C-alpha atoms as a PDB file:
ATOM      1  CA  MET A   1    -167.794   1.908 -26.240  1.00  0.00           C
ATOM      2  CA  LYS A   2    -170.610  -0.260 -24.973  1.00  0.00           C
ATOM      3  CA  ARG A   3    -174.113  -0.263 -26.377  1.00  0.00           C
ATOM      4  CA  ALA A   4    -176.093  -1.815 -23.562  1.00  0.00           C
ATOM      5  CA  ARG A   5    -179.732  -1.038 -24.144  1.00  0.00           C
ATOM      6  CA  CYS A   6    -182.270  -1.271 -26.955  1.00  0.00           C
ATOM      7  CA  ASP A   7    -185.870  -0.273 -26.292  1.00  0.00           C
ATOM      8  CA  VAL A   8    -188.128  -2.664 -28.194  1.00  0.00           C
ATOM      9  CA  GLY A   9    -191.216  -1.588 -30.063  1.00  0.00           C
ATOM     10  CA  THR A  10    -192.871  -0.872 -33.446  1.00  0.00           C
ATOM     11  CA  MET A  11    -192.417  -3.098 -36.517  1.00  0.00           C
ATOM     12  CA  MET A  12    -189.753  -5.386 -35.086  1.00  0.00           C
ATOM     13  CA  ALA A  13    -191.010  -5.502 -31.516  1.00  0.00           C
ATOM     14  CA  LEU A  14    -189.672  -9.021 -31.028  1.00  0.00           C
ATOM     15  CA  ALA A  15    -186.079  -8.014 -31.721  1.00  0.00           C
ATOM     16  CA  LEU A  16    -183.655  -8.663 -28.907  1.00  0.00           C
ATOM     17  CA  CYS A  17    -180.633  -6.381 -29.238  1.00  0.00           C
ATOM     18  CA  LEU A  18    -177.620  -7.939 -27.564  1.00  0.00           C
ATOM     19  CA  ALA A  19    -175.089  -5.695 -25.889  1.00  0.00           C
ATOM     20  CA  PHE A  20    -171.676  -5.480 -27.506  1.00  0.00           C
ATOM     21  CA  VAL A  21    -168.367  -4.029 -26.484  1.00  0.00           C
ATOM     22  CA  ALA A  22    -165.917  -2.598 -28.992  1.00  0.00           C
ATOM     23  CA  PRO A  23    -162.311  -3.561 -28.284  1.00  0.00           C
ATOM     24  CA  ALA A  24    -160.185  -0.776 -26.839  1.00  0.00           C
ATOM     25  CA  GLY A  25    -158.723   1.390 -29.574  1.00  0.00           C
ATOM     26  CA  ALA A  26    -160.950  -0.124 -32.250  1.00  0.00           C
ATOM     27  CA  ASP A  27    -163.053   1.833 -34.688  1.00  0.00           C
ATOM     28  CA  VAL A  28    -166.644   1.832 -33.470  1.00  0.00           C
ATOM     29  CA  PRO A  29    -169.035   1.038 -36.342  1.00  0.00           C
ATOM     30  CA  ASP A  30    -171.973   3.394 -36.519  1.00  0.00           C
ATOM     31  CA  HIS A  31    -174.643   0.952 -37.737  1.00  0.00           C
ATOM     32  CA  LEU A  32    -176.290  -2.234 -36.474  1.00  0.00           C
ATOM     33  CA  LYS A  33    -176.975  -5.182 -38.786  1.00  0.00           C
ATOM     34  CA  CYS A  34    -179.801  -7.397 -37.537  1.00  0.00           C
ATOM     35  CA  TYR A  35    -180.207 -11.113 -38.283  1.00  0.00           C
ATOM     36  CA  ARG A  36    -183.076 -13.471 -37.715  1.00  0.00           C
ATOM     37  CA  VAL A  37    -182.009 -16.163 -35.219  1.00  0.00           C
ATOM     38  CA  LYS A  38    -183.141 -19.485 -33.760  1.00  0.00           C
ATOM     39  CA  ASP A  39    -182.714 -19.297 -30.017  1.00  0.00           C
ATOM     40  CA  ARG A  40    -183.177 -22.475 -27.927  1.00  0.00           C
ATOM     41  CA  GLN A  41    -183.440 -20.526 -24.679  1.00  0.00           C
ATOM     42  CA  THR A  42    -186.392 -21.643 -22.526  1.00  0.00           C
ATOM     43  CA  ARG A  43    -189.511 -19.619 -23.215  1.00  0.00           C
ATOM     44  CA  THR A  44    -189.918 -17.011 -20.486  1.00  0.00           C
ATOM     45  CA  SER A  45    -191.459 -13.580 -20.177  1.00  0.00           C
ATOM     46  CA  TYR A  46    -190.377 -10.625 -18.068  1.00  0.00           C
ATOM     47  CA  SER A  47    -192.117  -7.396 -17.112  1.00  0.00           C
ATOM     48  CA  ALA A  48    -190.078  -4.213 -17.117  1.00  0.00           C
ATOM     49  CA  ASP A  49    -190.429  -0.447 -17.131  1.00  0.00           C
ATOM     50  CA  LEU A  50    -188.795   0.851 -20.295  1.00  0.00           C
ATOM     51  CA  GLY A  51    -187.539   4.327 -21.091  1.00  0.00           C
ATOM     52  CA  GLY A  52    -187.363   5.696 -24.630  1.00  0.00           C
ATOM     53  CA  LEU A  53    -189.232   8.483 -26.408  1.00  0.00           C
ATOM     54  CA  VAL A  54    -191.702   8.211 -23.519  1.00  0.00           C
ATOM     55  CA  ALA A  55    -191.539   6.220 -20.270  1.00  0.00           C
ATOM     56  CA  GLU A  56    -193.582   3.021 -20.612  1.00  0.00           C
ATOM     57  CA  PRO A  57    -194.144   1.005 -17.428  1.00  0.00           C
ATOM     58  CA  GLY A  58    -195.333  -2.569 -17.405  1.00  0.00           C
ATOM     59  CA  CYS A  59    -193.828  -3.713 -20.694  1.00  0.00           C
ATOM     60  CA  ARG A  60    -193.492  -7.451 -21.371  1.00  0.00           C
ATOM     61  CA  ILE A  61    -190.285  -8.920 -22.815  1.00  0.00           C
ATOM     62  CA  THR A  62    -190.539 -12.407 -24.285  1.00  0.00           C
ATOM     63  CA  VAL A  63    -187.597 -14.804 -24.562  1.00  0.00           C
ATOM     64  CA  PRO A  64    -186.273 -16.530 -26.741  1.00  0.00           C
ATOM     65  CA  ALA A  65    -184.719 -13.943 -29.018  1.00  0.00           C
ATOM     66  CA  GLN A  66    -186.038 -13.346 -32.512  1.00  0.00           C
ATOM     67  CA  MET A  67    -183.142 -11.270 -33.834  1.00  0.00           C
ATOM     68  CA  THR A  68    -179.588 -10.345 -32.989  1.00  0.00           C
ATOM     69  CA  CYS A  69    -177.971  -7.044 -33.964  1.00  0.00           C
ATOM     70  CA  VAL A  70    -174.222  -6.650 -34.392  1.00  0.00           C
ATOM     71  CA  PRO A  71    -171.903  -3.765 -35.385  1.00  0.00           C
ATOM     72  CA  SER A  72    -171.779  -2.936 -39.079  1.00  0.00           C
ATOM     73  CA  THR A  73    -170.138  -0.282 -41.230  1.00  0.00           C
ATOM     74  CA  LYS A  74    -171.998   0.813 -44.356  1.00  0.00           C
ATOM     75  CA  THR A  75    -169.857   1.485 -47.470  1.00  0.00           C
ATOM     76  CA  SER A  76    -170.245   1.768 -51.266  1.00  0.00           C
ATOM     77  CA  VAL A  77    -173.767   3.183 -51.028  1.00  0.00           C
ATOM     78  CA  SER A  78    -175.567   3.719 -54.343  1.00  0.00           C
ATOM     79  CA  PRO A  79    -177.309   5.995 -55.106  1.00  0.00           C
ATOM     80  CA  THR A  80    -175.921   8.644 -52.764  1.00  0.00           C
ATOM     81  CA  PRO A  81    -178.336   9.262 -49.843  1.00  0.00           C
ATOM     82  CA  PRO A  82    -179.524  12.828 -49.153  1.00  0.00           C
ATOM     83  CA  GLY A  83    -177.106  13.257 -46.239  1.00  0.00           C
ATOM     84  CA  GLY A  84    -177.354  14.475 -42.659  1.00  0.00           C
ATOM     85  CA  GLY A  85    -177.267  11.836 -39.957  1.00  0.00           C
ATOM     86  CA  GLY A  86    -173.971  10.964 -38.353  1.00  0.00           C
ATOM     87  CA  ILE A  87    -173.542  10.033 -34.720  1.00  0.00           C
ATOM     88  CA  GLY A  88    -176.814  10.568 -32.924  1.00  0.00           C
ATOM     89  CA  ARG A  89    -178.183  10.171 -29.443  1.00  0.00           C
ATOM     90  CA  PRO A  90    -176.753   7.196 -27.546  1.00  0.00           C
ATOM     91  CA  ASN A  91    -178.248   3.809 -28.512  1.00  0.00           C
ATOM     92  CA  SER A  92    -180.823   5.417 -30.810  1.00  0.00           C
ATOM     93  CA  PHE A  93    -181.314   4.058 -34.337  1.00  0.00           C
ATOM     94  CA  ASN A  94    -183.716   4.103 -37.256  1.00  0.00           C
ATOM     95  CA  CYS A  95    -184.062   0.569 -38.613  1.00  0.00           C
ATOM     96  CA  TYR A  96    -184.691  -0.304 -42.262  1.00  0.00           C
ATOM     97  CA  LYS A  97    -185.702  -3.503 -44.024  1.00  0.00           C
ATOM     98  CA  VAL A  98    -182.702  -4.898 -45.910  1.00  0.00           C
ATOM     99  CA  LYS A  99    -182.080  -7.900 -48.177  1.00  0.00           C
ATOM    100  CA  CYS A 100    -178.542  -9.179 -48.790  1.00  0.00           C
ATOM    101  CA  PRO A 101    -177.157 -11.920 -51.067  1.00  0.00           C
ATOM    102  CA  ARG A 102    -177.769 -15.163 -49.202  1.00  0.00           C
ATOM    103  CA  THR A 103    -174.915 -15.839 -46.804  1.00  0.00           C
ATOM    104  CA  ILE A 104    -175.616 -17.715 -43.585  1.00  0.00           C
ATOM    105  CA  PRO A 105    -173.152 -16.939 -40.772  1.00  0.00           C
ATOM    106  CA  PRO A 106    -172.085 -19.767 -38.458  1.00  0.00           C
ATOM    107  CA  PRO A 107    -173.708 -20.164 -35.032  1.00  0.00           C
ATOM    108  CA  PHE A 108    -172.200 -18.039 -32.324  1.00  0.00           C
ATOM    109  CA  ALA A 109    -172.142 -17.828 -28.542  1.00  0.00           C
ATOM    110  CA  ALA A 110    -174.343 -15.067 -27.136  1.00  0.00           C
ATOM    111  CA  SER A 111    -174.552 -13.722 -23.628  1.00  0.00           C
ATOM    112  CA  ASP A 112    -176.926 -11.036 -22.390  1.00  0.00           C
ATOM    113  CA  GLN A 113    -179.167 -10.254 -19.432  1.00  0.00           C
ATOM    114  CA  PHE A 114    -181.369 -13.240 -20.324  1.00  0.00           C
ATOM    115  CA  GLY A 115    -178.725 -15.955 -20.330  1.00  0.00           C
ATOM    116  CA  THR A 116    -175.761 -17.515 -22.133  1.00  0.00           C
ATOM    117  CA  ARG A 117    -176.370 -19.831 -25.100  1.00  0.00           C
ATOM    118  CA  THR A 118    -175.568 -20.494 -28.777  1.00  0.00           C
ATOM    119  CA  LEU A 119    -177.674 -18.840 -31.487  1.00  0.00           C
ATOM    120  CA  ALA A 120    -178.247 -20.236 -34.981  1.00  0.00           C
ATOM    121  CA  VAL A 121    -178.133 -17.287 -37.374  1.00  0.00           C
ATOM    122  CA  GLY A 122    -180.395 -16.852 -40.398  1.00  0.00           C
ATOM    123  CA  THR A 123    -180.735 -14.131 -43.011  1.00  0.00           C
ATOM    124  CA  THR A 124    -180.120 -10.416 -42.613  1.00  0.00           C
ATOM    125  CA  ARG A 125    -183.391  -8.624 -41.884  1.00  0.00           C
ATOM    126  CA  MET A 126    -182.663  -5.025 -40.861  1.00  0.00           C
ATOM    127  CA  LEU A 127    -180.026  -2.306 -40.976  1.00  0.00           C
ATOM    128  CA  CYS A 128    -180.195   0.268 -38.187  1.00  0.00           C
ATOM    129  CA  ALA A 129    -178.630   3.690 -38.756  1.00  0.00           C
ATOM    130  CA  PRO A 130    -177.819   6.246 -36.011  1.00  0.00           C
ATOM    131  CA  ASN A 131    -180.708   8.551 -35.246  1.00  0.00           C
ATOM    132  CA  ALA A 132    -179.121  11.985 -34.829  1.00  0.00           C
ATOM    133  CA  GLY A 133    -180.896  14.732 -32.942  1.00  0.00           C
ATOM    134  CA  PRO A 134    -181.706  15.916 -29.447  1.00  0.00           C
ATOM    135  CA  THR A 135    -181.891  13.349 -26.679  1.00  0.00           C
ATOM    136  CA  ASP A 136    -185.064  12.618 -24.788  1.00  0.00           C
ATOM    137  CA  GLY A 137    -183.910  15.212 -22.262  1.00  0.00           C
ATOM    138  CA  GLY A 138    -184.302  18.034 -24.809  1.00  0.00           C
ATOM    139  CA  PHE A 139    -181.626  20.701 -24.920  1.00  0.00           C
ATOM    140  CA  PRO A 140    -178.311  20.050 -23.131  1.00  0.00           C
ATOM    141  CA  ALA A 141    -177.942  20.655 -19.412  1.00  0.00           C
ATOM    142  CA  THR A 142    -175.632  23.404 -18.145  1.00  0.00           C
ATOM    143  CA  GLY A 143    -173.202  20.875 -16.682  1.00  0.00           C
ATOM    144  CA  GLN A 144    -173.387  22.493 -13.244  1.00  0.00           C
ATOM    145  CA  THR A 145    -173.410  19.973 -10.384  1.00  0.00           C
ATOM    146  CA  THR A 146    -172.378  22.324  -7.541  1.00  0.00           C
ATOM    147  CA  CYS A 147    -174.573  24.607  -5.400  1.00  0.00           C
ATOM    148  CA  PHE A 148    -173.596  27.873  -3.753  1.00  0.00           C
ATOM    149  CA  SER A 149    -174.447  30.437  -1.097  1.00  0.00           C
ATOM    150  CA  SER A 150    -172.893  33.879  -0.802  1.00  0.00           C
ATOM    151  CA  GLY A 151    -170.247  32.277   1.390  1.00  0.00           C
ATOM    152  CA  GLY A 152    -169.248  29.471  -0.990  1.00  0.00           C
ATOM    153  CA  THR A 153    -170.337  25.956  -1.884  1.00  0.00           C
ATOM    154  CA  ILE A 154    -173.178  24.237  -0.042  1.00  0.00           C
ATOM    155  CA  PRO A 155    -174.848  20.790  -0.208  1.00  0.00           C
ATOM    156  CA  CYS A 156    -177.220  20.717  -3.180  1.00  0.00           C
ATOM    157  CA  ALA A 157    -180.040  18.562  -1.811  1.00  0.00           C
ATOM    158  CA  GLY A 158    -183.295  20.527  -1.589  1.00  0.00           C
ATOM    159  CA  THR A 159    -181.867  23.876  -2.707  1.00  0.00           C
ATOM    160  CA  GLY A 160    -183.703  23.954  -6.034  1.00  0.00           C
ATOM    161  CA  GLN A 161    -180.577  25.384  -7.632  1.00  0.00           C
ATOM    162  CA  ASP A 162    -179.373  24.282 -11.056  1.00  0.00           C
ATOM    163  CA  GLY A 163    -176.724  22.035  -9.483  1.00  0.00           C
ATOM    164  CA  ASP A 164    -179.475  20.292  -7.499  1.00  0.00           C
ATOM    165  CA  LEU A 165    -182.054  19.834 -10.289  1.00  0.00           C
ATOM    166  CA  ARG A 166    -179.603  19.284 -13.187  1.00  0.00           C
ATOM    167  CA  LYS A 167    -182.337  19.596 -15.800  1.00  0.00           C
ATOM    168  CA  GLY A 168    -181.657  18.899 -19.463  1.00  0.00           C
ATOM    169  CA  ALA A 169    -179.670  16.167 -21.146  1.00  0.00           C
ATOM    170  CA  PRO A 170    -176.289  15.492 -19.457  1.00  0.00           C
ATOM    171  CA  LEU A 171    -173.406  16.875 -21.496  1.00  0.00           C
ATOM    172  CA  ALA A 172    -171.857  14.061 -23.532  1.00  0.00           C
ATOM    173  CA  TYR A 173    -169.165  14.154 -26.200  1.00  0.00           C
ATOM    174  CA  GLU A 174    -167.298  11.683 -28.385  1.00  0.00           C
ATOM    175  CA  ASP A 175    -163.782  12.342 -29.694  1.00  0.00           C
ATOM    176  CA  ASN A 176    -163.827  10.986 -33.241  1.00  0.00           C
ATOM    177  CA  GLY A 177    -160.033  10.607 -33.453  1.00  0.00           C
ATOM    178  CA  ASP A 178    -159.819  12.813 -36.563  1.00  0.00           C
ATOM    179  CA  GLY A 179    -159.577  16.256 -34.960  1.00  0.00           C
ATOM    180  CA  THR A 180    -163.312  16.552 -34.317  1.00  0.00           C
ATOM    181  CA  ILE A 181    -165.685  16.131 -31.368  1.00  0.00           C
ATOM    182  CA  THR A 182    -169.334  15.095 -31.686  1.00  0.00           C
ATOM    183  CA  ASP A 183    -171.921  16.297 -29.185  1.00  0.00           C
ATOM    184  CA  THR A 184    -174.129  13.243 -28.718  1.00  0.00           C
ATOM    185  CA  ASN A 185    -176.992  15.434 -27.488  1.00  0.00           C
ATOM    186  CA  THR A 186    -177.271  17.808 -30.425  1.00  0.00           C
ATOM    187  CA  GLY A 187    -175.590  15.688 -33.123  1.00  0.00           C
ATOM    188  CA  LEU A 188    -173.298  18.625 -33.960  1.00  0.00           C
ATOM    189  CA  THR A 189    -169.649  17.909 -34.802  1.00  0.00           C
ATOM    190  CA  TRP A 190    -167.096  20.465 -33.604  1.00  0.00           C
ATOM    191  CA  GLU A 191    -163.594  21.328 -34.775  1.00  0.00           C
ATOM    192  CA  LYS A 192    -160.948  20.600 -32.159  1.00  0.00           C
ATOM    193  CA  LEU A 193    -158.383  23.334 -31.513  1.00  0.00           C
ATOM    194  CA  SER A 194    -154.642  22.837 -31.075  1.00  0.00           C
ATOM    195  CA  MET A 195    -151.488  24.750 -30.122  1.00  0.00           C
ATOM    196  CA  ASP A 196    -149.290  23.981 -33.136  1.00  0.00           C
ATOM    197  CA  GLY A 197    -149.475  27.094 -35.306  1.00  0.00           C
ATOM    198  CA  SER A 198    -151.856  25.431 -37.780  1.00  0.00           C
ATOM    199  CA  VAL A 199    -155.233  26.664 -38.998  1.00  0.00           C
ATOM    200  CA  HIS A 200    -156.659  25.023 -35.860  1.00  0.00           C
ATOM    201  CA  ASP A 201    -154.376  26.889 -33.434  1.00  0.00           C
ATOM    202  CA  VAL A 202    -156.247  28.123 -30.377  1.00  0.00           C
ATOM    203  CA  GLY A 203    -154.438  31.460 -30.607  1.00  0.00           C
ATOM    204  CA  ASN A 204    -155.745  32.369 -34.073  1.00  0.00           C
ATOM    205  CA  THR A 205    -158.164  35.295 -34.151  1.00  0.00           C
ATOM    206  CA  TYR A 206    -160.475  36.625 -36.850  1.00  0.00           C
ATOM    207  CA  THR A 207    -162.913  39.417 -37.472  1.00  0.00           C
ATOM    208  CA  PHE A 208    -166.575  38.405 -37.782  1.00  0.00           C
ATOM    209  CA  ASP A 209    -166.375  38.372 -41.597  1.00  0.00           C
ATOM    210  CA  ASN A 210    -163.000  36.599 -41.753  1.00  0.00           C
ATOM    211  CA  ALA A 211    -164.239  33.882 -39.416  1.00  0.00           C
ATOM    212  CA  ILE A 212    -166.471  32.856 -42.324  1.00  0.00           C
ATOM    213  CA  ALA A 213    -164.456  33.915 -45.369  1.00  0.00           C
ATOM    214  CA  GLY A 214    -161.115  32.920 -43.855  1.00  0.00           C
ATOM    215  CA  HIS A 215    -161.188  30.184 -41.240  1.00  0.00           C
ATOM    216  CA  VAL A 216    -164.262  28.233 -42.340  1.00  0.00           C
ATOM    217  CA  ALA A 217    -163.429  28.614 -46.031  1.00  0.00           C
ATOM    218  CA  THR A 218    -159.982  27.137 -45.362  1.00  0.00           C
ATOM    219  CA  LEU A 219    -161.444  24.108 -43.579  1.00  0.00           C
ATOM    220  CA  ASN A 220    -163.873  23.479 -46.430  1.00  0.00           C
ATOM    221  CA  THR A 221    -161.170  23.862 -49.091  1.00  0.00           C
ATOM    222  CA  MET A 222    -159.011  21.278 -47.345  1.00  0.00           C
ATOM    223  CA  SER A 223    -162.049  19.010 -46.656  1.00  0.00           C
ATOM    224  CA  TYR A 224    -161.101  18.922 -43.003  1.00  0.00           C
ATOM    225  CA  ALA A 225    -161.845  15.521 -41.419  1.00  0.00           C
ATOM    226  CA  GLY A 226    -163.353  14.483 -44.755  1.00  0.00           C
ATOM    227  CA  HIS A 227    -166.054  17.167 -44.849  1.00  0.00           C
ATOM    228  CA  SER A 228    -166.592  20.443 -46.700  1.00  0.00           C
ATOM    229  CA  ASP A 229    -169.696  21.737 -44.917  1.00  0.00           C
ATOM    230  CA  TRP A 230    -167.991  23.471 -41.997  1.00  0.00           C
ATOM    231  CA  ARG A 231    -169.489  26.741 -40.789  1.00  0.00           C
ATOM    232  CA  VAL A 232    -169.364  29.248 -37.937  1.00  0.00           C
ATOM    233  CA  PRO A 233    -171.925  28.173 -35.283  1.00  0.00           C
ATOM    234  CA  ASN A 234    -174.872  30.381 -34.423  1.00  0.00           C
ATOM    235  CA  VAL A 235    -175.051  31.806 -30.921  1.00  0.00           C
ATOM    236  CA  LYS A 236    -177.320  29.088 -29.490  1.00  0.00           C
ATOM    237  CA  GLU A 237    -175.182  26.314 -30.962  1.00  0.00           C
ATOM    238  CA  LEU A 238    -171.940  27.717 -29.532  1.00  0.00           C
ATOM    239  CA  ALA A 239    -173.496  28.356 -26.119  1.00  0.00           C
ATOM    240  CA  SER A 240    -174.632  24.698 -26.030  1.00  0.00           C
ATOM    241  CA  ILE A 241    -171.078  23.493 -25.327  1.00  0.00           C
ATOM    242  CA  VAL A 242    -170.557  25.784 -22.314  1.00  0.00           C
ATOM    243  CA  ASN A 243    -170.135  23.823 -19.081  1.00  0.00           C
ATOM    244  CA  TYR A 244    -171.107  26.078 -16.192  1.00  0.00           C
ATOM    245  CA  ASP A 245    -169.416  23.855 -13.627  1.00  0.00           C
ATOM    246  CA  PHE A 246    -166.084  25.238 -14.851  1.00  0.00           C
ATOM    247  CA  VAL A 247    -164.443  28.595 -15.549  1.00  0.00           C
ATOM    248  CA  ALA A 248    -161.344  29.579 -17.491  1.00  0.00           C
ATOM    249  CA  PRO A 249    -162.318  27.791 -19.685  1.00  0.00           C
ATOM    250  CA  SER A 250    -165.994  27.022 -19.115  1.00  0.00           C
ATOM    251  CA  VAL A 251    -166.074  23.783 -21.136  1.00  0.00           C
ATOM    252  CA  SER A 252    -166.078  20.033 -20.521  1.00  0.00           C
ATOM    253  CA  SER A 253    -162.806  18.089 -20.624  1.00  0.00           C
ATOM    254  CA  ALA A 254    -163.447  17.011 -24.225  1.00  0.00           C
ATOM    255  CA  PHE A 255    -162.678  20.593 -25.238  1.00  0.00           C
ATOM    256  CA  ASN A 256    -159.881  21.163 -22.717  1.00  0.00           C
ATOM    257  CA  ASN A 257    -157.289  18.434 -22.249  1.00  0.00           C
ATOM    258  CA  GLY A 258    -153.587  17.977 -22.920  1.00  0.00           C
ATOM    259  CA  CYS A 259    -153.227  21.481 -24.347  1.00  0.00           C
ATOM    260  CA  SER A 260    -149.524  22.349 -24.494  1.00  0.00           C
ATOM    261  CA  SER A 261    -147.119  23.927 -26.960  1.00  0.00           C
ATOM    262  CA  GLY A 262    -146.817  21.919 -30.169  1.00  0.00           C
ATOM    263  CA  CYS A 263    -149.839  19.675 -29.607  1.00  0.00           C
ATOM    264  CA  SER A 264    -152.074  18.906 -32.591  1.00  0.00           C
ATOM    265  CA  VAL A 265    -155.823  18.292 -32.873  1.00  0.00           C
ATOM    266  CA  THR A 266    -155.247  14.539 -32.636  1.00  0.00           C
ATOM    267  CA  THR A 267    -153.170  14.770 -29.444  1.00  0.00           C
ATOM    268  CA  CYS A 268    -154.872  17.553 -27.474  1.00  0.00           C
ATOM    269  CA  SER A 269    -157.961  19.718 -27.227  1.00  0.00           C
ATOM    270  CA  CYS A 270    -157.701  23.441 -26.498  1.00  0.00           C
ATOM    271  CA  THR A 271    -160.094  26.238 -25.610  1.00  0.00           C
ATOM    272  CA  ALA A 272    -158.922  29.813 -25.125  1.00  0.00           C
ATOM    273  CA  THR A 273    -160.345  31.663 -22.109  1.00  0.00           C
ATOM    274  CA  THR A 274    -161.576  34.405 -24.399  1.00  0.00           C
ATOM    275  CA  LYS A 275    -164.322  35.407 -26.833  1.00  0.00           C
ATOM    276  CA  TYR A 276    -165.440  33.229 -29.760  1.00  0.00           C
ATOM    277  CA  TRP A 277    -167.405  34.576 -32.699  1.00  0.00           C
ATOM    278  CA  THR A 278    -170.772  33.150 -33.672  1.00  0.00           C
ATOM    279  CA  SER A 279    -172.465  33.690 -37.044  1.00  0.00           C
ATOM    280  CA  THR A 280    -175.318  35.659 -35.426  1.00  0.00           C
ATOM    281  CA  THR A 281    -175.678  39.428 -35.970  1.00  0.00           C
ATOM    282  CA  LEU A 282    -177.118  41.863 -33.420  1.00  0.00           C
ATOM    283  CA  THR A 283    -180.362  42.702 -35.216  1.00  0.00           C
ATOM    284  CA  ASN A 284    -180.742  46.332 -34.123  1.00  0.00           C
ATOM    285  CA  ALA A 285    -177.026  47.071 -34.658  1.00  0.00           C
ATOM    286  CA  PRO A 286    -175.778  45.143 -37.734  1.00  0.00           C
ATOM    287  CA  PRO A 287    -172.142  46.268 -37.308  1.00  0.00           C
ATOM    288  CA  SER A 288    -172.100  44.085 -34.162  1.00  0.00           C
ATOM    289  CA  GLY A 289    -172.231  40.319 -33.754  1.00  0.00           C
ATOM    290  CA  TRP A 290    -172.827  37.910 -30.874  1.00  0.00           C
ATOM    291  CA  PHE A 291    -169.976  36.044 -29.188  1.00  0.00           C
ATOM    292  CA  VAL A 292    -169.547  33.496 -26.379  1.00  0.00           C
ATOM    293  CA  ASN A 293    -166.857  34.241 -23.802  1.00  0.00           C
ATOM    294  CA  PHE A 294    -165.419  30.920 -22.655  1.00  0.00           C
ATOM    295  CA  PHE A 295    -163.798  32.417 -19.571  1.00  0.00           C
ATOM    296  CA  PHE A 296    -167.159  32.536 -17.765  1.00  0.00           C
ATOM    297  CA  GLY A 297    -169.478  31.108 -20.426  1.00  0.00           C
ATOM    298  CA  SER A 298    -171.185  34.465 -20.932  1.00  0.00           C
ATOM    299  CA  VAL A 299    -172.915  35.610 -24.132  1.00  0.00           C
ATOM    300  CA  ASN A 300    -172.596  39.182 -25.386  1.00  0.00           C
ATOM    301  CA  PHE A 301    -171.998  41.238 -28.528  1.00  0.00           C
ATOM    302  CA  ASP A 302    -169.243  43.428 -29.940  1.00  0.00           C
ATOM    303  CA  ASN A 303    -168.208  45.205 -33.110  1.00  0.00           C
ATOM    304  CA  LYS A 304    -167.569  42.801 -35.984  1.00  0.00           C
ATOM    305  CA  SER A 305    -164.140  44.333 -36.586  1.00  0.00           C
ATOM    306  CA  MET A 306    -162.825  42.844 -33.338  1.00  0.00           C
ATOM    307  CA  GLY A 307    -160.443  39.879 -33.510  1.00  0.00           C
ATOM    308  CA  PHE A 308    -161.893  36.891 -31.658  1.00  0.00           C
ATOM    309  CA  SER A 309    -161.322  33.119 -31.673  1.00  0.00           C
ATOM    310  CA  VAL A 310    -163.350  30.739 -33.843  1.00  0.00           C
ATOM    311  CA  ARG A 311    -164.419  27.111 -33.502  1.00  0.00           C
ATOM    312  CA  ALA A 312    -166.123  25.666 -36.577  1.00  0.00           C
ATOM    313  CA  VAL A 313    -169.066  23.257 -36.520  1.00  0.00           C
ATOM    314  CA  ARG A 314    -170.920  21.023 -38.947  1.00  0.00           C
ATOM    315  CA  GLY A 315    -174.233  19.177 -38.851  1.00  0.00           C
END
């Protein structure tokens, strides 16, 4: 995973966030630890148009660097924070003032868009935690990149169809390696499904009530993936992972790869081409609940006594 961009602004506007690349197969830390540095790079300024919460043209970036931010994992936190958070939108962090016991790291070689040099490192100044929530693009896109006429596919340019405009935040997912998938747009973490006869088996079906009292309760009892706040998604949450560029199943590859007999949630990802319960009731007919059909990606309702698939979510 490569973090390649930090938009600069607010309290620490002089911070220069250097890109880093996590080694293949390594755990990717979810925080940044920022140090004050002495940078002997020649003083220069650059103008640039920067994205972010809003587009800001004509920004001025001043070199040398004032800070460097490197991967960090936060442990042994006391007192216990209120919770939430987790993996958020790509490259987005909330940064906090921090003071650590005085330890001065040795100088290190740095290389970014503004040159290659050695930085002298000072004290720790900030800790940046992932900022979970919707991306700047708002709700997720449909995933559709193809355009159609009654006779089949057509070039998209100028059609005004969904596949041409592609509005919304591009679908983006991260496999956490523990049987879960995080949607980096919404911040929601999803249960992966398998084909191994376990509680996660893609062939398991439940009534509306048993989806909550059975499947989700089991995940919470076993603290699946280290968490006990699993739940059945509401109808808008479940529909957010539909990818309308695909059918049977209508999901991105993160939810549909390597699915074969005997595979587990750490070796494959399965989605049945069938109906999945949500936690949402049909208001004018309480015996019925809403479901998402992942054959086409359609949303509809049926009697709560029906046996449908379930995919749990948290966040």
